[in-house]
Every structure is written in C-alpha cells, then in structure tokens.
Amino acid sequence: MRQTTTPRSRLMLPGQGVAGIFRCVVGRLGGSWRRLGLCEAALVLLALPMAATPARVHAQTPMDLGMTYTQQRSKFVGSSPSDYFYLRGATVDLAYTAFHGFGPVVSLNGLAVTNLRTQIDIHQASFLGGGRYTFNLGHISPTLWSRRGGIFAEALVGLTDATDGEYPSGNTLASSAFGYTYALGGGINYNIYHRFELRLMSHYFVTDLPNGGSKQQKNIQVSAGVNWHFGN
C-alpha cells in the first residue's frame, strides 16, 4: 500500500512564507491528519512573532494627553510682598513628539477663586500653544508597557479670557478682560501601568490683563495629575 508523504520543502522554508502555508491549509481537505498537524504547527510558528508585535517598541510617533489639577499663586497689585491669593482649577494638554523629542503642544487652562476680600470672584480660561521638548527615560525591557516615563520642558503663548473680576478700564471697573498669556515650564511623567502615568509640572505663567498698574500678572502654577502616553 502506497503511503503519501509530505516533502520537507513544503514546510515553512524561506521563500515560501504565507503562500506555502496557504497551500498547506488548502490541502487539509484531502490530506492526512499528520499533514494537518504539520500545517497547524506552521501556522502557530508564523503567528508567534505577529502576536509579539503589539508589545514591541516600534517607530510609532509618541503623543501625550495630560489632565491635571492646577493651583496658581497670584498677587494683589500695590499690596505687601506677601499679599498673595490662589486660583484653583484644571489643565488639559495634548503634545505630539514629531522629531527627536521636539514637537507641538496645545493647552487649555481653567482657574477660579471666589470671595476675594469678601466681594471679588475671578474666573479665567487660557488657551495656549507652543513647543515642547521631551526626554524619554527609556524602557526597562523592549516592550511598550515597560516605559519608565519622560521629562519635558515647554514654552507656550496664547490668550486668557477673564470674567467675574474687577479690571480697570479708564475711570471704571470692568467685570471682564482679555489679554495675551505666556508660560514657561516643564514637568515629569512617571509610568505606573501600561500607558497610564503620573504627572507633576510647574510653570511661570504671565497674563497681560488690566490691573491699574503694570497691566501684567506674573504667576506661578503647580499641577499634579495623570498622563496617557501613546507610541514609543
């Protein structure tokens, strides 16, 4: 009785690749169970590197989406050196690392304080854009999930819309104001789990709003929150 054998050249030899496996699988309908077992083994061997691909570190463009609680220290105009007040709110920013750690960043910052000197409320929203440089702290192993984190520095410029305050306008006080804003600072992202990171950052935050004096507020912002990292 003649026995049908499978030549070794029919298995995953270089040059055959997926086409050889396809012919092998098609032959399962008329082949032996031994041939079927060899086909399945070849499929498993092909699938192993593919299964590992998502966890490997490839040339993917990094992006960061951060959300933080923010506190800003500001100062009353013409008051004593220690006469400060604090605005509190949140910051959301999105950064895209385009080339060797450099890339654009956009940020939305909303802050508020109530009952200043028993009668003043301030609400302000700042829209900024600029550039960021990120230094990647590397990976513990060559997988995306083992990222250590990163350190970044950035410079931003934009606009601030302030409401519910008291802003000098000629001989009167206006309840709202609008002006340019500049921010210089940075922070650190520390990886906790997969793409989830903790973030700490600080900025020197300057707003050009009318105040009856220098028409400029020089503030310090400190933020803490989370970051989602995508890519390398």
C-alpha atoms as a PDB file:
ATOM      1  CA  MET A   1       0.000   0.000   0.000  1.00  0.00           C
ATOM      2  CA  ARG A   2       1.466   3.269  -1.084  1.00  0.00           C
ATOM      3  CA  GLN A   3       1.846   5.870   1.656  1.00  0.00           C
ATOM      4  CA  THR A   4       1.627   9.573   0.882  1.00  0.00           C
ATOM      5  CA  THR A   5       4.420  11.606   2.457  1.00  0.00           C
ATOM      6  CA  THR A   6       4.931  15.324   2.754  1.00  0.00           C
ATOM      7  CA  PRO A   7       8.273  16.602   1.476  1.00  0.00           C
ATOM      8  CA  ARG A   8      10.112  18.846   3.931  1.00  0.00           C
ATOM      9  CA  SER A   9      10.318  21.582   1.276  1.00  0.00           C
ATOM     10  CA  ARG A  10       6.549  22.048   1.645  1.00  0.00           C
ATOM     11  CA  LEU A  11       7.000  23.314   5.199  1.00  0.00           C
ATOM     12  CA  MET A  12       7.838  26.915   6.122  1.00  0.00           C
ATOM     13  CA  LEU A  13      11.080  27.243   4.178  1.00  0.00           C
ATOM     14  CA  PRO A  14      12.394  30.730   3.415  1.00  0.00           C
ATOM     15  CA  GLY A  15      10.855  31.918   0.179  1.00  0.00           C
ATOM     16  CA  GLN A  16       7.516  30.155   0.645  1.00  0.00           C
ATOM     17  CA  GLY A  17       6.157  32.196   3.561  1.00  0.00           C
ATOM     18  CA  VAL A  18       2.399  32.668   3.796  1.00  0.00           C
ATOM     19  CA  ALA A  19       1.797  31.236   0.301  1.00  0.00           C
ATOM     20  CA  GLY A  20       3.268  27.891   1.347  1.00  0.00           C
ATOM     21  CA  ILE A  21       1.120  27.833   4.459  1.00  0.00           C
ATOM     22  CA  PHE A  22      -1.974  28.648   2.417  1.00  0.00           C
ATOM     23  CA  ARG A  23      -1.329  25.709   0.082  1.00  0.00           C
ATOM     24  CA  CYS A  24      -0.736  23.540   3.113  1.00  0.00           C
ATOM     25  CA  VAL A  25      -4.044  24.542   4.732  1.00  0.00           C
ATOM     26  CA  VAL A  26      -5.980  24.088   1.483  1.00  0.00           C
ATOM     27  CA  GLY A  27      -4.594  20.549   1.267  1.00  0.00           C
ATOM     28  CA  ARG A  28      -6.134  19.656   4.640  1.00  0.00           C
ATOM     29  CA  LEU A  29      -9.387  18.669   2.927  1.00  0.00           C
ATOM     30  CA  GLY A  30      -7.773  15.773   1.115  1.00  0.00           C
ATOM     31  CA  GLY A  31      -4.657  15.188   3.219  1.00  0.00           C
ATOM     32  CA  SER A  32      -3.912  13.047   6.229  1.00  0.00           C
ATOM     33  CA  TRP A  33      -4.230  14.075   9.879  1.00  0.00           C
ATOM     34  CA  ARG A  34      -0.461  14.025  10.072  1.00  0.00           C
ATOM     35  CA  ARG A  35      -0.301  16.605   7.294  1.00  0.00           C
ATOM     36  CA  LEU A  36      -2.930  18.695   9.095  1.00  0.00           C
ATOM     37  CA  GLY A  37      -0.859  18.662  12.274  1.00  0.00           C
ATOM     38  CA  LEU A  38       2.203  19.925  10.403  1.00  0.00           C
ATOM     39  CA  CYS A  39       0.139  22.723   8.829  1.00  0.00           C
ATOM     40  CA  GLU A  40      -1.209  23.840  12.192  1.00  0.00           C
ATOM     41  CA  ALA A  41       2.277  23.804  13.677  1.00  0.00           C
ATOM     42  CA  ALA A  42       3.495  26.022  10.833  1.00  0.00           C
ATOM     43  CA  LEU A  43       0.617  28.447  11.430  1.00  0.00           C
ATOM     44  CA  VAL A  44       1.436  28.664  15.117  1.00  0.00           C
ATOM     45  CA  LEU A  45       5.105  29.384  14.349  1.00  0.00           C
ATOM     46  CA  LEU A  46       4.067  32.156  11.958  1.00  0.00           C
ATOM     47  CA  ALA A  47       1.628  33.649  14.464  1.00  0.00           C
ATOM     48  CA  LEU A  48       4.122  33.856  17.331  1.00  0.00           C
ATOM     49  CA  PRO A  49       6.107  36.855  16.052  1.00  0.00           C
ATOM     50  CA  MET A  50       2.859  38.543  14.976  1.00  0.00           C
ATOM     51  CA  ALA A  51       1.419  38.123  18.458  1.00  0.00           C
ATOM     52  CA  ALA A  52       4.522  39.722  19.925  1.00  0.00           C
ATOM     53  CA  THR A  53       4.410  42.695  17.568  1.00  0.00           C
ATOM     54  CA  PRO A  54       1.966  44.946  19.510  1.00  0.00           C
ATOM     55  CA  ALA A  55       4.083  44.779  22.656  1.00  0.00           C
ATOM     56  CA  ARG A  56       7.358  45.532  20.892  1.00  0.00           C
ATOM     57  CA  VAL A  57       8.695  49.059  20.704  1.00  0.00           C
ATOM     58  CA  HIS A  58       8.381  50.196  17.084  1.00  0.00           C
ATOM     59  CA  ALA A  59       8.788  53.558  15.396  1.00  0.00           C
ATOM     60  CA  GLN A  60       5.436  54.948  16.498  1.00  0.00           C
ATOM     61  CA  THR A  61       5.016  58.704  16.872  1.00  0.00           C
ATOM     62  CA  PRO A  62       4.675  59.469  20.619  1.00  0.00           C
ATOM     63  CA  MET A  63       1.745  61.528  21.882  1.00  0.00           C
ATOM     64  CA  ASP A  64       0.762  62.608  25.401  1.00  0.00           C
ATOM     65  CA  LEU A  65      -2.644  63.574  26.754  1.00  0.00           C
ATOM     66  CA  GLY A  66      -2.406  65.111  30.212  1.00  0.00           C
ATOM     67  CA  MET A  67      -5.084  66.127  32.724  1.00  0.00           C
ATOM     68  CA  THR A  68      -4.002  67.814  35.946  1.00  0.00           C
ATOM     69  CA  TYR A  69      -5.292  69.711  38.949  1.00  0.00           C
ATOM     70  CA  THR A  70      -3.689  73.187  38.893  1.00  0.00           C
ATOM     71  CA  GLN A  71      -3.101  75.801  41.579  1.00  0.00           C
ATOM     72  CA  GLN A  72      -1.886  79.307  40.671  1.00  0.00           C
ATOM     73  CA  ARG A  73      -0.346  81.819  43.055  1.00  0.00           C
ATOM     74  CA  SER A  74      -1.114  85.449  42.172  1.00  0.00           C
ATOM     75  CA  LYS A  75      -0.578  88.770  43.938  1.00  0.00           C
ATOM     76  CA  PHE A  76      -2.731  91.812  44.617  1.00  0.00           C
ATOM     77  CA  VAL A  77      -1.478  94.967  42.882  1.00  0.00           C
ATOM     78  CA  GLY A  78       0.253  97.529  45.109  1.00  0.00           C
ATOM     79  CA  SER A  79      -0.037  95.365  48.210  1.00  0.00           C
ATOM     80  CA  SER A  80       2.586  93.982  50.529  1.00  0.00           C
ATOM     81  CA  PRO A  81       5.109  91.448  49.186  1.00  0.00           C
ATOM     82  CA  SER A  82       3.307  88.598  50.961  1.00  0.00           C
ATOM     83  CA  ASP A  83      -0.258  89.517  49.952  1.00  0.00           C
ATOM     84  CA  TYR A  84      -0.993  86.582  47.649  1.00  0.00           C
ATOM     85  CA  PHE A  85      -4.149  84.778  46.628  1.00  0.00           C
ATOM     86  CA  TYR A  86      -4.680  81.426  44.915  1.00  0.00           C
ATOM     87  CA  LEU A  87      -6.741  80.305  41.943  1.00  0.00           C
ATOM     88  CA  ARG A  88      -7.537  76.633  41.504  1.00  0.00           C
ATOM     89  CA  GLY A  89      -8.742  74.615  38.542  1.00  0.00           C
ATOM     90  CA  ALA A  90      -7.583  72.174  35.870  1.00  0.00           C
ATOM     91  CA  THR A  91      -5.278  71.922  32.867  1.00  0.00           C
ATOM     92  CA  VAL A  92      -5.682  69.676  29.816  1.00  0.00           C
ATOM     93  CA  ASP A  93      -2.916  69.454  27.233  1.00  0.00           C
ATOM     94  CA  LEU A  94      -2.046  67.405  24.156  1.00  0.00           C
ATOM     95  CA  ALA A  95       1.531  67.041  22.894  1.00  0.00           C
ATOM     96  CA  TYR A  96       2.862  65.435  19.723  1.00  0.00           C
ATOM     97  CA  THR A  97       6.541  64.462  19.591  1.00  0.00           C
ATOM     98  CA  ALA A  98       7.396  64.876  15.928  1.00  0.00           C
ATOM     99  CA  PHE A  99      11.206  64.877  15.675  1.00  0.00           C
ATOM    100  CA  HIS A 100      13.948  63.848  18.139  1.00  0.00           C
ATOM    101  CA  GLY A 101      11.928  64.804  21.208  1.00  0.00           C
ATOM    102  CA  PHE A 102      10.612  68.097  19.782  1.00  0.00           C
ATOM    103  CA  GLY A 103       7.004  68.748  18.852  1.00  0.00           C
ATOM    104  CA  PRO A 104       3.947  70.987  19.219  1.00  0.00           C
ATOM    105  CA  VAL A 105       1.708  71.194  22.265  1.00  0.00           C
ATOM    106  CA  VAL A 106      -1.699  72.776  22.928  1.00  0.00           C
ATOM    107  CA  SER A 107      -3.118  73.515  26.369  1.00  0.00           C
ATOM    108  CA  LEU A 108      -6.411  74.580  27.940  1.00  0.00           C
ATOM    109  CA  ASN A 109      -6.262  76.004  31.439  1.00  0.00           C
ATOM    110  CA  GLY A 110      -9.288  76.970  33.569  1.00  0.00           C
ATOM    111  CA  LEU A 111      -8.971  78.567  37.032  1.00  0.00           C
ATOM    112  CA  ALA A 112     -11.265  80.256  39.552  1.00  0.00           C
ATOM    113  CA  VAL A 113     -11.378  81.847  43.003  1.00  0.00           C
ATOM    114  CA  THR A 114     -14.321  83.257  44.952  1.00  0.00           C
ATOM    115  CA  ASN A 115     -14.864  85.781  47.773  1.00  0.00           C
ATOM    116  CA  LEU A 116     -11.531  87.562  47.479  1.00  0.00           C
ATOM    117  CA  ARG A 117     -11.651  90.309  50.078  1.00  0.00           C
ATOM    118  CA  THR A 118     -15.263  89.194  50.642  1.00  0.00           C
ATOM    119  CA  GLN A 119     -16.534  90.520  47.295  1.00  0.00           C
ATOM    120  CA  ILE A 120     -14.363  89.601  44.325  1.00  0.00           C
ATOM    121  CA  ASP A 121     -14.771  86.453  42.212  1.00  0.00           C
ATOM    122  CA  ILE A 122     -12.398  85.593  39.362  1.00  0.00           C
ATOM    123  CA  HIS A 123     -12.832  83.032  36.604  1.00  0.00           C
ATOM    124  CA  GLN A 124     -10.325  82.737  33.791  1.00  0.00           C
ATOM    125  CA  ALA A 125      -9.700  80.403  30.858  1.00  0.00           C
ATOM    126  CA  SER A 126      -6.394  80.316  28.957  1.00  0.00           C
ATOM    127  CA  PHE A 127      -5.837  78.833  25.512  1.00  0.00           C
ATOM    128  CA  LEU A 128      -2.172  78.290  24.658  1.00  0.00           C
ATOM    129  CA  GLY A 129       0.032  76.625  22.074  1.00  0.00           C
ATOM    130  CA  GLY A 130       3.753  76.241  21.605  1.00  0.00           C
ATOM    131  CA  GLY A 131       6.622  73.783  21.548  1.00  0.00           C
ATOM    132  CA  ARG A 132       7.750  71.026  23.878  1.00  0.00           C
ATOM    133  CA  TYR A 133      10.931  69.008  24.198  1.00  0.00           C
ATOM    134  CA  THR A 134      10.601  65.585  25.835  1.00  0.00           C
ATOM    135  CA  PHE A 135      13.483  63.454  27.091  1.00  0.00           C
ATOM    136  CA  ASN A 136      12.401  59.816  27.188  1.00  0.00           C
ATOM    137  CA  LEU A 137      13.652  57.944  30.260  1.00  0.00           C
ATOM    138  CA  GLY A 138      13.688  54.716  28.246  1.00  0.00           C
ATOM    139  CA  HIS A 139      12.254  51.259  28.818  1.00  0.00           C
ATOM    140  CA  ILE A 140      13.002  48.549  31.364  1.00  0.00           C
ATOM    141  CA  SER A 141      12.629  45.947  28.581  1.00  0.00           C
ATOM    142  CA  PRO A 142      11.891  46.235  24.818  1.00  0.00           C
ATOM    143  CA  THR A 143       8.124  46.411  25.267  1.00  0.00           C
ATOM    144  CA  LEU A 144       5.770  49.361  25.154  1.00  0.00           C
ATOM    145  CA  TRP A 145       4.364  48.575  28.604  1.00  0.00           C
ATOM    146  CA  SER A 146       7.736  48.872  30.374  1.00  0.00           C
ATOM    147  CA  ARG A 147       8.269  52.580  29.630  1.00  0.00           C
ATOM    148  CA  ARG A 148       9.800  54.439  32.569  1.00  0.00           C
ATOM    149  CA  GLY A 149       8.409  57.871  31.693  1.00  0.00           C
ATOM    150  CA  GLY A 150       9.787  61.180  30.478  1.00  0.00           C
ATOM    151  CA  ILE A 151      10.887  64.700  31.415  1.00  0.00           C
ATOM    152  CA  PHE A 152       9.688  67.675  29.367  1.00  0.00           C
ATOM    153  CA  ALA A 153      10.188  71.431  29.029  1.00  0.00           C
ATOM    154  CA  GLU A 154       7.913  73.762  27.069  1.00  0.00           C
ATOM    155  CA  ALA A 155       7.241  77.345  26.040  1.00  0.00           C
ATOM    156  CA  LEU A 156       3.661  78.472  25.348  1.00  0.00           C
ATOM    157  CA  VAL A 157       1.858  81.586  24.173  1.00  0.00           C
ATOM    158  CA  GLY A 158      -1.858  82.274  23.906  1.00  0.00           C
ATOM    159  CA  LEU A 159      -4.823  84.238  25.218  1.00  0.00           C
ATOM    160  CA  THR A 160      -6.634  84.489  28.545  1.00  0.00           C
ATOM    161  CA  ASP A 161     -10.309  85.361  28.935  1.00  0.00           C
ATOM    162  CA  ALA A 162     -11.071  86.546  32.481  1.00  0.00           C
ATOM    163  CA  THR A 163     -14.573  87.103  33.875  1.00  0.00           C
ATOM    164  CA  ASP A 164     -16.284  87.989  37.162  1.00  0.00           C
ATOM    165  CA  GLY A 165     -13.400  90.137  38.361  1.00  0.00           C
ATOM    166  CA  GLU A 166     -12.623  93.857  38.684  1.00  0.00           C
ATOM    167  CA  TYR A 167     -10.435  95.141  35.858  1.00  0.00           C
ATOM    168  CA  PRO A 168      -9.680  98.891  35.418  1.00  0.00           C
ATOM    169  CA  SER A 169     -10.945 100.295  32.115  1.00  0.00           C
ATOM    170  CA  GLY A 170     -10.466 104.063  32.000  1.00  0.00           C
ATOM    171  CA  ASN A 171     -12.194 105.519  35.021  1.00  0.00           C
ATOM    172  CA  THR A 172     -14.408 102.492  35.564  1.00  0.00           C
ATOM    173  CA  LEU A 173     -14.071  98.874  36.584  1.00  0.00           C
ATOM    174  CA  ALA A 174     -14.962  96.189  34.052  1.00  0.00           C
ATOM    175  CA  SER A 175     -16.102  92.723  35.091  1.00  0.00           C
ATOM    176  CA  SER A 176     -14.185  91.001  32.284  1.00  0.00           C
ATOM    177  CA  ALA A 177     -10.878  91.312  30.441  1.00  0.00           C
ATOM    178  CA  PHE A 178      -8.938  89.711  27.608  1.00  0.00           C
ATOM    179  CA  GLY A 179      -5.184  89.571  27.098  1.00  0.00           C
ATOM    180  CA  TYR A 180      -2.100  87.731  25.906  1.00  0.00           C
ATOM    181  CA  THR A 181      -0.593  84.962  28.013  1.00  0.00           C
ATOM    182  CA  TYR A 182       2.888  83.442  28.172  1.00  0.00           C
ATOM    183  CA  ALA A 183       4.023  80.305  30.003  1.00  0.00           C
ATOM    184  CA  LEU A 184       7.420  78.714  30.513  1.00  0.00           C
ATOM    185  CA  GLY A 185       7.862  75.486  32.441  1.00  0.00           C
ATOM    186  CA  GLY A 186       8.033  71.724  32.386  1.00  0.00           C
ATOM    187  CA  GLY A 187       7.366  68.552  34.256  1.00  0.00           C
ATOM    188  CA  ILE A 188       7.857  64.836  34.626  1.00  0.00           C
ATOM    189  CA  ASN A 189       5.734  61.810  33.684  1.00  0.00           C
ATOM    190  CA  TYR A 190       6.266  58.640  35.712  1.00  0.00           C
ATOM    191  CA  ASN A 191       4.870  55.400  34.341  1.00  0.00           C
ATOM    192  CA  ILE A 192       2.538  53.431  36.627  1.00  0.00           C
ATOM    193  CA  TYR A 193       0.820  50.866  34.416  1.00  0.00           C
ATOM    194  CA  HIS A 194       0.835  50.374  30.638  1.00  0.00           C
ATOM    195  CA  ARG A 195       0.067  53.798  29.112  1.00  0.00           C
ATOM    196  CA  PHE A 196      -1.011  55.342  32.424  1.00  0.00           C
ATOM    197  CA  GLU A 197       1.436  57.803  34.036  1.00  0.00           C
ATOM    198  CA  LEU A 198       1.537  60.215  36.950  1.00  0.00           C
ATOM    199  CA  ARG A 199       2.434  63.818  36.101  1.00  0.00           C
ATOM    200  CA  LEU A 200       3.940  66.711  38.071  1.00  0.00           C
ATOM    201  CA  MET A 201       4.611  70.067  36.408  1.00  0.00           C
ATOM    202  CA  SER A 202       5.180  73.751  37.122  1.00  0.00           C
ATOM    203  CA  HIS A 203       5.014  76.937  35.023  1.00  0.00           C
ATOM    204  CA  TYR A 204       5.900  80.597  35.228  1.00  0.00           C
ATOM    205  CA  PHE A 205       2.588  81.969  33.957  1.00  0.00           C
ATOM    206  CA  VAL A 206       2.296  85.599  32.799  1.00  0.00           C
ATOM    207  CA  THR A 207      -1.026  87.235  31.827  1.00  0.00           C
ATOM    208  CA  ASP A 208      -1.458  90.693  30.271  1.00  0.00           C
ATOM    209  CA  LEU A 209      -4.673  91.838  31.949  1.00  0.00           C
ATOM    210  CA  PRO A 210      -5.511  95.394  33.131  1.00  0.00           C
ATOM    211  CA  ASN A 211      -4.813  95.905  36.826  1.00  0.00           C
ATOM    212  CA  GLY A 212      -4.338  99.664  37.267  1.00  0.00           C
ATOM    213  CA  GLY A 213      -0.578  99.216  37.416  1.00  0.00           C
ATOM    214  CA  SER A 214       1.842  97.208  35.318  1.00  0.00           C
ATOM    215  CA  LYS A 215      -1.016  95.631  33.318  1.00  0.00           C
ATOM    216  CA  GLN A 216       0.720  92.302  33.752  1.00  0.00           C
ATOM    217  CA  GLN A 217       0.345  89.486  36.272  1.00  0.00           C
ATOM    218  CA  LYS A 218       3.311  87.241  37.000  1.00  0.00           C
ATOM    219  CA  ASN A 219       2.082  83.977  38.471  1.00  0.00           C
ATOM    220  CA  ILE A 220       3.387  80.560  39.467  1.00  0.00           C
ATOM    221  CA  GLN A 221       1.393  77.446  38.599  1.00  0.00           C
ATOM    222  CA  VAL A 222       1.875  73.990  40.100  1.00  0.00           C
ATOM    223  CA  SER A 223      -0.018  70.996  38.699  1.00  0.00           C
ATOM    224  CA  ALA A 224      -0.424  67.299  39.517  1.00  0.00           C
ATOM    225  CA  GLY A 225      -2.446  64.659  37.736  1.00  0.00           C
ATOM    226  CA  VAL A 226      -2.293  61.928  35.118  1.00  0.00           C
ATOM    227  CA  ASN A 227      -0.977  61.421  31.602  1.00  0.00           C
ATOM    228  CA  TRP A 228      -1.821  58.929  28.880  1.00  0.00           C
ATOM    229  CA  HIS A 229       1.150  58.132  26.643  1.00  0.00           C
ATOM    230  CA  PHE A 230       0.705  56.753  23.121  1.00  0.00           C
ATOM    231  CA  GLY A 231       3.523  55.467  20.910  1.00  0.00           C
ATOM    232  CA  ASN A 232       7.111  54.802  21.986  1.00  0.00           C
END
